[in-house]
Amino acid sequence: MYEHLWQGVAGKIERKEEAWQAAIRELKEETGFDPARIFIADHISKFYEAHGDRINLVPVFGIEVNNKNVILSEEHSEYQWQGFEKALESLSWEGQKAGLTTVNKMLIEEDDRLKWSLIDLS
């Protein structure tokens, strides 16, 4: 649908699935990664989708992995590891930029939001 568009891992929540579970599933499907750590970002991305005439509210998560060997799904043609500033410039949608900025800020500041928003993977 969004050919030649750079973006992070994303997808829809399936029936009987929690949002954080969908984030982990999409991570695995799109990259082959398992999360080492996942936290809820202090941001909800929102956008209008003409198909279905709906407004989407999308929770944003920060996910850390212990591997750099990406296994791309058929949904993607390329990937890049980028620093924060380059990644921010590569994104097209303002909601994605705001989500990435929030994740980055939470990681850099290591404030209580990060501690309170960790998801137990055990």
N, C-alpha and C. Protein backbone atom coordinates (compact mmCIF):
# COMPACT_ATOMS: atom_id res chain seq x y z
N MET A 1 0.82 -1.20 0.00
CA MET A 1 0.00 0.00 0.00
C MET A 1 0.87 1.27 0.00
N TYR A 2 1.93 1.28 0.78
CA TYR A 2 2.79 2.46 0.88
C TYR A 2 4.17 2.14 0.31
N GLU A 3 4.21 1.83 -0.98
CA GLU A 3 5.44 1.44 -1.64
C GLU A 3 6.49 2.54 -1.52
N HIS A 4 7.72 2.13 -1.26
CA HIS A 4 8.88 3.02 -1.15
C HIS A 4 8.78 4.01 0.00
N LEU A 5 8.10 3.62 1.04
CA LEU A 5 7.95 4.47 2.22
C LEU A 5 8.74 3.85 3.37
N TRP A 6 9.60 4.64 3.99
CA TRP A 6 10.35 4.17 5.16
C TRP A 6 9.47 4.29 6.39
N GLN A 7 9.43 3.25 7.17
CA GLN A 7 8.69 3.30 8.43
C GLN A 7 9.20 2.20 9.35
N GLY A 8 8.83 2.28 10.60
CA GLY A 8 9.17 1.24 11.55
C GLY A 8 8.21 0.07 11.42
N VAL A 9 8.42 -0.93 12.24
CA VAL A 9 7.53 -2.09 12.27
C VAL A 9 6.14 -1.62 12.66
N ALA A 10 5.13 -2.09 11.94
CA ALA A 10 3.76 -1.67 12.22
C ALA A 10 2.78 -2.74 11.75
N GLY A 11 1.57 -2.68 12.24
CA GLY A 11 0.55 -3.61 11.81
C GLY A 11 -0.72 -3.47 12.63
N LYS A 12 -1.68 -4.28 12.28
CA LYS A 12 -2.99 -4.24 12.94
C LYS A 12 -3.06 -5.26 14.07
N ILE A 13 -3.90 -4.95 15.04
CA ILE A 13 -4.15 -5.85 16.16
C ILE A 13 -5.20 -6.87 15.71
N GLU A 14 -4.89 -8.15 15.90
CA GLU A 14 -5.82 -9.20 15.52
C GLU A 14 -6.81 -9.47 16.65
N ARG A 15 -7.92 -10.16 16.32
CA ARG A 15 -8.93 -10.49 17.33
C ARG A 15 -8.30 -11.24 18.49
N LYS A 16 -8.75 -10.93 19.69
CA LYS A 16 -8.30 -11.57 20.93
C LYS A 16 -6.79 -11.40 21.17
N GLU A 17 -6.24 -10.29 20.67
CA GLU A 17 -4.82 -10.02 20.83
C GLU A 17 -4.68 -8.67 21.54
N GLU A 18 -3.80 -8.60 22.50
CA GLU A 18 -3.48 -7.33 23.16
C GLU A 18 -2.59 -6.51 22.22
N ALA A 19 -2.61 -5.19 22.36
CA ALA A 19 -1.81 -4.33 21.49
C ALA A 19 -0.33 -4.67 21.58
N TRP A 20 0.19 -4.90 22.78
CA TRP A 20 1.61 -5.21 22.93
C TRP A 20 1.94 -6.58 22.31
N GLN A 21 0.99 -7.50 22.34
CA GLN A 21 1.21 -8.80 21.70
C GLN A 21 1.27 -8.63 20.18
N ALA A 22 0.45 -7.75 19.65
CA ALA A 22 0.48 -7.46 18.21
C ALA A 22 1.83 -6.85 17.82
N ALA A 23 2.36 -5.97 18.67
CA ALA A 23 3.66 -5.36 18.39
C ALA A 23 4.75 -6.42 18.32
N ILE A 24 4.73 -7.37 19.24
CA ILE A 24 5.72 -8.45 19.23
C ILE A 24 5.53 -9.35 18.02
N ARG A 25 4.29 -9.69 17.70
CA ARG A 25 4.02 -10.53 16.53
C ARG A 25 4.51 -9.86 15.26
N GLU A 26 4.18 -8.57 15.10
CA GLU A 26 4.60 -7.84 13.91
C GLU A 26 6.13 -7.74 13.84
N LEU A 27 6.78 -7.52 14.97
CA LEU A 27 8.24 -7.50 15.01
C LEU A 27 8.81 -8.80 14.46
N LYS A 28 8.29 -9.92 14.94
CA LYS A 28 8.75 -11.24 14.51
C LYS A 28 8.45 -11.46 13.02
N GLU A 29 7.23 -11.13 12.60
CA GLU A 29 6.84 -11.34 11.19
C GLU A 29 7.67 -10.50 10.22
N GLU A 30 7.93 -9.25 10.58
CA GLU A 30 8.57 -8.32 9.65
C GLU A 30 10.09 -8.34 9.69
N THR A 31 10.67 -8.80 10.82
CA THR A 31 12.13 -8.73 10.96
C THR A 31 12.78 -10.05 11.39
N GLY A 32 11.99 -10.97 11.93
CA GLY A 32 12.54 -12.21 12.48
C GLY A 32 13.03 -12.06 13.90
N PHE A 33 12.90 -10.88 14.49
CA PHE A 33 13.41 -10.63 15.84
C PHE A 33 12.44 -11.05 16.93
N ASP A 34 13.01 -11.42 18.07
CA ASP A 34 12.28 -11.57 19.32
C ASP A 34 12.69 -10.38 20.20
N PRO A 35 11.76 -9.83 20.99
CA PRO A 35 12.12 -8.67 21.81
C PRO A 35 12.95 -9.08 23.03
N ALA A 36 13.94 -8.27 23.37
CA ALA A 36 14.67 -8.43 24.62
C ALA A 36 13.96 -7.63 25.71
N ARG A 37 13.39 -6.50 25.29
CA ARG A 37 12.66 -5.62 26.21
C ARG A 37 11.65 -4.83 25.40
N ILE A 38 10.48 -4.61 25.99
CA ILE A 38 9.44 -3.82 25.33
C ILE A 38 8.82 -2.90 26.37
N PHE A 39 8.56 -1.67 25.96
CA PHE A 39 7.88 -0.72 26.85
C PHE A 39 6.85 0.08 26.07
N ILE A 40 5.88 0.56 26.80
CA ILE A 40 4.82 1.39 26.23
C ILE A 40 5.36 2.82 26.13
N ALA A 41 5.35 3.37 24.94
CA ALA A 41 5.78 4.75 24.76
C ALA A 41 4.65 5.68 25.21
N ASP A 42 5.01 6.82 25.69
CA ASP A 42 4.05 7.82 26.15
C ASP A 42 3.52 8.60 24.95
N HIS A 43 2.93 7.85 23.98
CA HIS A 43 2.45 8.47 22.76
C HIS A 43 1.42 7.56 22.09
N ILE A 44 0.37 8.13 21.58
CA ILE A 44 -0.61 7.44 20.74
C ILE A 44 -0.56 8.11 19.37
N SER A 45 -0.23 7.36 18.35
CA SER A 45 -0.23 7.89 16.99
C SER A 45 -1.66 7.83 16.46
N LYS A 46 -2.04 8.85 15.73
CA LYS A 46 -3.40 8.87 15.20
C LYS A 46 -3.36 9.30 13.73
N PHE A 47 -4.24 8.66 12.94
CA PHE A 47 -4.32 9.03 11.53
C PHE A 47 -5.68 8.61 10.97
N TYR A 48 -6.06 9.30 9.93
CA TYR A 48 -7.32 9.01 9.24
C TYR A 48 -7.02 8.07 8.08
N GLU A 49 -7.87 7.07 7.91
CA GLU A 49 -7.75 6.11 6.82
C GLU A 49 -9.01 6.21 5.96
N ALA A 50 -8.86 6.67 4.71
CA ALA A 50 -10.01 6.86 3.82
C ALA A 50 -10.72 5.54 3.55
N HIS A 51 -9.93 4.48 3.37
CA HIS A 51 -10.53 3.16 3.18
C HIS A 51 -11.21 2.75 4.48
N GLY A 52 -12.50 2.68 4.49
CA GLY A 52 -13.24 2.38 5.71
C GLY A 52 -13.67 3.62 6.47
N ASP A 53 -13.24 4.80 5.99
CA ASP A 53 -13.61 6.07 6.62
C ASP A 53 -13.45 6.00 8.13
N ARG A 54 -12.22 5.74 8.59
CA ARG A 54 -12.01 5.58 10.03
C ARG A 54 -10.79 6.36 10.53
N ILE A 55 -10.86 6.68 11.79
CA ILE A 55 -9.73 7.30 12.49
C ILE A 55 -9.08 6.20 13.32
N ASN A 56 -7.78 6.03 13.15
CA ASN A 56 -7.03 5.01 13.87
C ASN A 56 -6.25 5.65 15.02
N LEU A 57 -6.32 5.05 16.18
CA LEU A 57 -5.49 5.41 17.33
C LEU A 57 -4.55 4.24 17.57
N VAL A 58 -3.26 4.49 17.45
CA VAL A 58 -2.27 3.42 17.45
C VAL A 58 -1.31 3.58 18.62
N PRO A 59 -1.29 2.62 19.56
CA PRO A 59 -0.32 2.70 20.64
C PRO A 59 1.09 2.48 20.09
N VAL A 60 2.05 3.17 20.66
CA VAL A 60 3.44 3.07 20.23
C VAL A 60 4.24 2.37 21.31
N PHE A 61 5.14 1.48 20.88
CA PHE A 61 5.98 0.73 21.81
C PHE A 61 7.45 0.92 21.43
N GLY A 62 8.29 0.88 22.42
CA GLY A 62 9.73 0.82 22.21
C GLY A 62 10.14 -0.63 22.41
N ILE A 63 10.87 -1.18 21.47
CA ILE A 63 11.29 -2.57 21.56
C ILE A 63 12.79 -2.64 21.33
N GLU A 64 13.49 -3.29 22.26
CA GLU A 64 14.92 -3.53 22.11
C GLU A 64 15.13 -4.99 21.72
N VAL A 65 16.10 -5.22 20.85
CA VAL A 65 16.44 -6.57 20.41
C VAL A 65 17.94 -6.80 20.65
N ASN A 66 18.32 -8.07 20.68
CA ASN A 66 19.72 -8.42 20.92
C ASN A 66 20.41 -8.93 19.66
N ASN A 67 19.84 -8.65 18.50
CA ASN A 67 20.35 -9.19 17.26
C ASN A 67 20.30 -8.10 16.21
N LYS A 68 21.20 -8.14 15.24
CA LYS A 68 21.18 -7.16 14.15
C LYS A 68 20.90 -7.81 12.80
N ASN A 69 20.71 -9.12 12.78
CA ASN A 69 20.50 -9.84 11.53
C ASN A 69 19.02 -9.88 11.17
N VAL A 70 18.61 -8.94 10.34
CA VAL A 70 17.21 -8.80 9.95
C VAL A 70 16.84 -9.85 8.91
N ILE A 71 15.68 -10.45 9.10
CA ILE A 71 15.09 -11.34 8.11
C ILE A 71 13.81 -10.66 7.65
N LEU A 72 13.86 -10.02 6.48
CA LEU A 72 12.72 -9.25 5.99
C LEU A 72 11.57 -10.14 5.54
N SER A 73 10.37 -9.69 5.82
CA SER A 73 9.18 -10.36 5.31
C SER A 73 8.95 -9.91 3.87
N GLU A 74 7.95 -10.50 3.23
CA GLU A 74 7.61 -10.11 1.87
C GLU A 74 7.00 -8.72 1.79
N GLU A 75 6.61 -8.18 2.95
CA GLU A 75 6.02 -6.83 2.98
C GLU A 75 7.06 -5.75 2.73
N HIS A 76 8.34 -6.10 2.86
CA HIS A 76 9.41 -5.09 2.80
C HIS A 76 10.47 -5.47 1.77
N SER A 77 11.11 -4.47 1.20
CA SER A 77 12.15 -4.71 0.21
C SER A 77 13.54 -4.35 0.73
N GLU A 78 13.62 -3.50 1.73
CA GLU A 78 14.90 -3.05 2.27
C GLU A 78 14.77 -2.71 3.74
N TYR A 79 15.92 -2.60 4.39
CA TYR A 79 15.96 -2.08 5.75
C TYR A 79 17.26 -1.31 5.94
N GLN A 80 17.28 -0.47 6.95
CA GLN A 80 18.48 0.27 7.34
C GLN A 80 18.50 0.41 8.84
N TRP A 81 19.68 0.26 9.42
CA TRP A 81 19.88 0.64 10.82
C TRP A 81 20.29 2.10 10.79
N GLN A 82 19.55 2.94 11.51
CA GLN A 82 19.82 4.37 11.49
C GLN A 82 19.86 4.92 12.91
N GLY A 83 20.62 5.98 13.08
CA GLY A 83 20.58 6.73 14.31
C GLY A 83 19.29 7.53 14.38
N PHE A 84 19.04 8.13 15.53
CA PHE A 84 17.78 8.83 15.74
C PHE A 84 17.52 9.93 14.70
N GLU A 85 18.47 10.81 14.49
CA GLU A 85 18.26 11.96 13.59
C GLU A 85 17.99 11.50 12.15
N LYS A 86 18.74 10.55 11.66
CA LYS A 86 18.55 10.04 10.30
C LYS A 86 17.20 9.33 10.18
N ALA A 87 16.85 8.54 11.20
CA ALA A 87 15.55 7.85 11.18
C ALA A 87 14.41 8.86 11.15
N LEU A 88 14.54 9.91 11.94
CA LEU A 88 13.51 10.95 11.98
C LEU A 88 13.33 11.59 10.59
N GLU A 89 14.44 11.86 9.91
CA GLU A 89 14.39 12.46 8.57
C GLU A 89 13.79 11.50 7.54
N SER A 90 13.95 10.20 7.75
CA SER A 90 13.49 9.19 6.78
C SER A 90 11.99 8.95 6.84
N LEU A 91 11.38 9.23 7.99
CA LEU A 91 9.95 8.98 8.15
C LEU A 91 9.12 10.03 7.44
N SER A 92 7.98 9.62 6.90
CA SER A 92 7.10 10.54 6.18
C SER A 92 6.00 11.12 7.06
N TRP A 93 5.44 10.30 7.95
CA TRP A 93 4.26 10.68 8.72
C TRP A 93 4.63 11.34 10.03
N GLU A 94 3.96 12.44 10.34
CA GLU A 94 4.24 13.18 11.58
C GLU A 94 3.98 12.33 12.83
N GLY A 95 2.94 11.49 12.79
CA GLY A 95 2.65 10.63 13.94
C GLY A 95 3.79 9.67 14.23
N GLN A 96 4.41 9.13 13.17
CA GLN A 96 5.55 8.23 13.36
C GLN A 96 6.76 8.99 13.90
N LYS A 97 6.96 10.21 13.42
CA LYS A 97 8.06 11.03 13.92
C LYS A 97 7.87 11.35 15.40
N ALA A 98 6.64 11.67 15.78
CA ALA A 98 6.35 11.97 17.19
C ALA A 98 6.54 10.73 18.06
N GLY A 99 6.12 9.57 17.57
CA GLY A 99 6.31 8.32 18.31
C GLY A 99 7.78 8.01 18.51
N LEU A 100 8.58 8.12 17.44
CA LEU A 100 10.01 7.88 17.54
C LEU A 100 10.68 8.86 18.50
N THR A 101 10.27 10.11 18.44
CA THR A 101 10.83 11.13 19.34
C THR A 101 10.53 10.78 20.80
N THR A 102 9.31 10.34 21.07
CA THR A 102 8.94 9.96 22.44
C THR A 102 9.75 8.77 22.92
N VAL A 103 9.89 7.74 22.09
CA VAL A 103 10.68 6.56 22.46
C VAL A 103 12.12 6.98 22.75
N ASN A 104 12.70 7.78 21.88
CA ASN A 104 14.08 8.24 22.06
C ASN A 104 14.24 9.02 23.37
N LYS A 105 13.31 9.92 23.62
CA LYS A 105 13.38 10.74 24.84
C LYS A 105 13.26 9.87 26.09
N MET A 106 12.36 8.89 26.05
CA MET A 106 12.20 8.01 27.22
C MET A 106 13.48 7.21 27.47
N LEU A 107 14.14 6.77 26.41
CA LEU A 107 15.38 6.01 26.57
C LEU A 107 16.53 6.88 27.08
N ILE A 108 16.64 8.08 26.54
CA ILE A 108 17.74 8.97 26.93
C ILE A 108 17.58 9.44 28.37
N GLU A 109 16.37 9.84 28.73
CA GLU A 109 16.13 10.39 30.06
C GLU A 109 16.03 9.32 31.14
N GLU A 110 15.70 8.09 30.75
CA GLU A 110 15.54 6.98 31.70
C GLU A 110 14.73 7.42 32.92
N ASP A 111 13.64 8.15 32.66
CA ASP A 111 12.81 8.63 33.76
C ASP A 111 11.84 7.54 34.22
N ASP A 112 11.01 7.86 35.17
CA ASP A 112 10.10 6.88 35.75
C ASP A 112 9.10 6.32 34.74
N ARG A 113 8.82 7.08 33.68
CA ARG A 113 7.87 6.57 32.67
C ARG A 113 8.36 5.25 32.10
N LEU A 114 9.64 5.14 31.86
CA LEU A 114 10.19 3.91 31.29
C LEU A 114 10.05 2.75 32.27
N LYS A 115 10.35 3.01 33.51
CA LYS A 115 10.23 1.96 34.54
C LYS A 115 8.79 1.49 34.69
N TRP A 116 7.85 2.42 34.67
CA TRP A 116 6.44 2.09 34.87
C TRP A 116 5.81 1.43 33.65
N SER A 117 6.41 1.62 32.49
CA SER A 117 5.76 1.15 31.27
C SER A 117 6.37 -0.13 30.69
N LEU A 118 7.32 -0.73 31.39
CA LEU A 118 7.90 -1.99 30.91
C LEU A 118 6.85 -3.09 30.91
N ILE A 119 6.88 -3.92 29.89
CA ILE A 119 5.96 -5.05 29.79
C ILE A 119 6.71 -6.32 30.15
N ASP A 120 6.16 -7.09 31.05
CA ASP A 120 6.79 -8.32 31.50
C ASP A 120 6.69 -9.38 30.41
N LEU A 121 7.82 -9.82 29.91
CA LEU A 121 7.87 -10.80 28.83
C LEU A 121 7.95 -12.25 29.34
N SER A 122 8.00 -12.42 30.65
CA SER A 122 8.14 -13.79 31.17
C SER A 122 6.86 -14.57 31.16
